[in-house]
């Protein structure tokens, strides 16, 4: 079972890698990746913040965060062979999705 600290760490790592990926994808003109990374960075940041404060809404947000991270990972994986930032982002998103999914389904 993942704990709160590992969830927050995964969410924040995802924010950082998504922001880096956005910067590189702007240069490459990859609009689909940019859009998903922006959504993913925002939802992950919110998830980390709500988790840190012990919000009653974290369970529902974890499920959404996992869904967005999975979509972002799939998009970034398409470009991972030729963009290091997309590979790093896909990996971070997969990790965050797995942890958030586990947290969303954990018994309280």
C-alpha atoms as a PDB file:
ATOM      1  CA  UNK A   1       0.000   0.000   0.000  1.00  0.00           C
ATOM      2  CA  UNK A   2       1.372   3.367  -0.994  1.00  0.00           C
ATOM      3  CA  UNK A   3       1.271   6.063   1.612  1.00  0.00           C
ATOM      4  CA  UNK A   4       0.421   9.741   1.548  1.00  0.00           C
ATOM      5  CA  UNK A   5       4.056  10.855   1.218  1.00  0.00           C
ATOM      6  CA  UNK A   6       4.736   8.611  -1.764  1.00  0.00           C
ATOM      7  CA  UNK A   7       1.531   9.827  -3.417  1.00  0.00           C
ATOM      8  CA  UNK A   8       2.470  13.474  -2.958  1.00  0.00           C
ATOM      9  CA  UNK A   9       6.003  12.779  -4.212  1.00  0.00           C
ATOM     10  CA  UNK A  10       4.698  10.989  -7.320  1.00  0.00           C
ATOM     11  CA  UNK A  11       2.233  13.792  -8.058  1.00  0.00           C
ATOM     12  CA  UNK A  12       4.899  16.475  -7.703  1.00  0.00           C
ATOM     13  CA  UNK A  13       7.375  14.504  -9.826  1.00  0.00           C
ATOM     14  CA  UNK A  14       4.679  14.255 -12.470  1.00  0.00           C
ATOM     15  CA  UNK A  15       4.115  18.025 -12.360  1.00  0.00           C
ATOM     16  CA  UNK A  16       7.821  18.676 -12.923  1.00  0.00           C
ATOM     17  CA  UNK A  17       8.196  16.222 -15.793  1.00  0.00           C
ATOM     18  CA  UNK A  18       4.982  17.419 -17.453  1.00  0.00           C
ATOM     19  CA  UNK A  19       6.176  21.031 -17.314  1.00  0.00           C
ATOM     20  CA  UNK A  20       9.521  20.032 -18.847  1.00  0.00           C
ATOM     21  CA  UNK A  21       7.735  18.054 -21.532  1.00  0.00           C
ATOM     22  CA  UNK A  22       5.488  21.041 -22.291  1.00  0.00           C
ATOM     23  CA  UNK A  23       8.536  23.240 -22.826  1.00  0.00           C
ATOM     24  CA  UNK A  24      10.111  20.761 -25.235  1.00  0.00           C
ATOM     25  CA  UNK A  25       6.844  20.066 -27.041  1.00  0.00           C
ATOM     26  CA  UNK A  26       6.274  23.790 -27.610  1.00  0.00           C
ATOM     27  CA  UNK A  27       9.561  23.809 -29.515  1.00  0.00           C
ATOM     28  CA  UNK A  28       8.488  20.722 -31.478  1.00  0.00           C
ATOM     29  CA  UNK A  29       4.941  21.978 -32.056  1.00  0.00           C
ATOM     30  CA  UNK A  30       3.305  18.899 -30.551  1.00  0.00           C
ATOM     31  CA  UNK A  31      -0.076  20.325 -29.561  1.00  0.00           C
ATOM     32  CA  UNK A  32      -1.725  17.089 -28.360  1.00  0.00           C
ATOM     33  CA  UNK A  33       1.103  16.394 -25.959  1.00  0.00           C
ATOM     34  CA  UNK A  34       1.081  19.984 -24.693  1.00  0.00           C
ATOM     35  CA  UNK A  35      -2.648  19.889 -23.958  1.00  0.00           C
ATOM     36  CA  UNK A  36      -2.499  16.625 -22.038  1.00  0.00           C
ATOM     37  CA  UNK A  37       0.631  17.591 -20.119  1.00  0.00           C
ATOM     38  CA  UNK A  38      -0.983  20.852 -19.039  1.00  0.00           C
ATOM     39  CA  UNK A  39      -4.061  19.030 -17.770  1.00  0.00           C
ATOM     40  CA  UNK A  40      -1.922  16.414 -16.090  1.00  0.00           C
ATOM     41  CA  UNK A  41       0.364  18.929 -14.370  1.00  0.00           C
ATOM     42  CA  UNK A  42      -2.633  20.847 -13.057  1.00  0.00           C
ATOM     43  CA  UNK A  43      -4.519  17.823 -11.744  1.00  0.00           C
ATOM     44  CA  UNK A  44      -1.381  16.368 -10.161  1.00  0.00           C
ATOM     45  CA  UNK A  45      -0.587  19.654  -8.417  1.00  0.00           C
ATOM     46  CA  UNK A  46      -4.132  19.835  -7.067  1.00  0.00           C
ATOM     47  CA  UNK A  47      -4.024  16.198  -5.989  1.00  0.00           C
ATOM     48  CA  UNK A  48      -0.778  16.772  -4.064  1.00  0.00           C
ATOM     49  CA  UNK A  49      -2.205  19.849  -2.371  1.00  0.00           C
ATOM     50  CA  UNK A  50      -5.452  18.170  -1.334  1.00  0.00           C
ATOM     51  CA  UNK A  51      -3.595  15.085  -0.146  1.00  0.00           C
ATOM     52  CA  UNK A  52      -1.212  17.223   1.898  1.00  0.00           C
ATOM     53  CA  UNK A  53      -4.092  18.924   3.698  1.00  0.00           C
ATOM     54  CA  UNK A  54      -6.028  15.707   4.229  1.00  0.00           C
ATOM     55  CA  UNK A  55      -9.037  16.845   2.223  1.00  0.00           C
ATOM     56  CA  UNK A  56     -12.167  14.727   2.241  1.00  0.00           C
ATOM     57  CA  UNK A  57     -12.164  14.947  -1.571  1.00  0.00           C
ATOM     58  CA  UNK A  58      -8.858  13.219  -2.212  1.00  0.00           C
ATOM     59  CA  UNK A  59     -10.338   9.786  -2.919  1.00  0.00           C
ATOM     60  CA  UNK A  60     -12.422  11.105  -5.821  1.00  0.00           C
ATOM     61  CA  UNK A  61      -9.574  13.272  -7.073  1.00  0.00           C
ATOM     62  CA  UNK A  62      -7.151  10.330  -7.031  1.00  0.00           C
ATOM     63  CA  UNK A  63      -9.352   8.470  -9.491  1.00  0.00           C
ATOM     64  CA  UNK A  64      -9.439  11.446 -11.867  1.00  0.00           C
ATOM     65  CA  UNK A  65      -5.702  12.027 -11.457  1.00  0.00           C
ATOM     66  CA  UNK A  66      -5.006   8.397 -12.364  1.00  0.00           C
ATOM     67  CA  UNK A  67      -7.190   8.690 -15.470  1.00  0.00           C
ATOM     68  CA  UNK A  68      -5.505  11.892 -16.673  1.00  0.00           C
ATOM     69  CA  UNK A  69      -2.021  10.509 -15.929  1.00  0.00           C
ATOM     70  CA  UNK A  70      -2.767   7.362 -17.930  1.00  0.00           C
ATOM     71  CA  UNK A  71      -3.914   9.451 -20.910  1.00  0.00           C
ATOM     72  CA  UNK A  72      -0.846  11.674 -20.669  1.00  0.00           C
ATOM     73  CA  UNK A  73       1.463   8.662 -20.410  1.00  0.00           C
ATOM     74  CA  UNK A  74      -0.087   7.155 -23.537  1.00  0.00           C
ATOM     75  CA  UNK A  75       0.344  10.376 -25.520  1.00  0.00           C
ATOM     76  CA  UNK A  76       3.910  10.961 -24.339  1.00  0.00           C
ATOM     77  CA  UNK A  77       4.825   7.334 -25.062  1.00  0.00           C
ATOM     78  CA  UNK A  78       4.114   8.022 -28.744  1.00  0.00           C
ATOM     79  CA  UNK A  79       7.060  10.454 -28.789  1.00  0.00           C
ATOM     80  CA  UNK A  80       9.331   8.793 -26.240  1.00  0.00           C
ATOM     81  CA  UNK A  81      11.666   7.298 -28.841  1.00  0.00           C
ATOM     82  CA  UNK A  82      12.750  10.707 -30.104  1.00  0.00           C
ATOM     83  CA  UNK A  83      12.070  13.037 -27.157  1.00  0.00           C
ATOM     84  CA  UNK A  84      13.737  12.335 -23.800  1.00  0.00           C
ATOM     85  CA  UNK A  85      11.319  14.646 -22.019  1.00  0.00           C
ATOM     86  CA  UNK A  86       8.352  12.680 -23.387  1.00  0.00           C
ATOM     87  CA  UNK A  87       9.899   9.427 -22.172  1.00  0.00           C
ATOM     88  CA  UNK A  88      10.508  10.887 -18.705  1.00  0.00           C
ATOM     89  CA  UNK A  89       6.983  12.274 -18.645  1.00  0.00           C
ATOM     90  CA  UNK A  90       5.413   8.974 -19.717  1.00  0.00           C
ATOM     91  CA  UNK A  91       7.348   7.147 -16.988  1.00  0.00           C
ATOM     92  CA  UNK A  92       6.398   9.674 -14.277  1.00  0.00           C
ATOM     93  CA  UNK A  93       2.765   9.636 -15.379  1.00  0.00           C
ATOM     94  CA  UNK A  94       2.612   5.828 -15.262  1.00  0.00           C
ATOM     95  CA  UNK A  95       4.034   5.837 -11.731  1.00  0.00           C
ATOM     96  CA  UNK A  96       1.662   8.555 -10.566  1.00  0.00           C
ATOM     97  CA  UNK A  97      -1.330   6.818 -12.171  1.00  0.00           C
ATOM     98  CA  UNK A  98      -0.510   3.563 -10.403  1.00  0.00           C
ATOM     99  CA  UNK A  99      -0.149   5.218  -7.010  1.00  0.00           C
ATOM    100  CA  UNK A 100      -3.260   7.364  -7.423  1.00  0.00           C
ATOM    101  CA  UNK A 101      -5.291   4.357  -8.558  1.00  0.00           C
ATOM    102  CA  UNK A 102      -4.164   2.464  -5.471  1.00  0.00           C
ATOM    103  CA  UNK A 103      -4.974   5.426  -3.234  1.00  0.00           C
ATOM    104  CA  UNK A 104      -8.418   5.849  -4.866  1.00  0.00           C
ATOM    105  CA  UNK A 105      -9.382   2.269  -4.145  1.00  0.00           C
ATOM    106  CA  UNK A 106      -7.836   1.999  -0.660  1.00  0.00           C
ATOM    107  CA  UNK A 107     -10.136   1.224   2.226  1.00  0.00           C
ATOM    108  CA  UNK A 108     -10.248   4.057   4.699  1.00  0.00           C
END
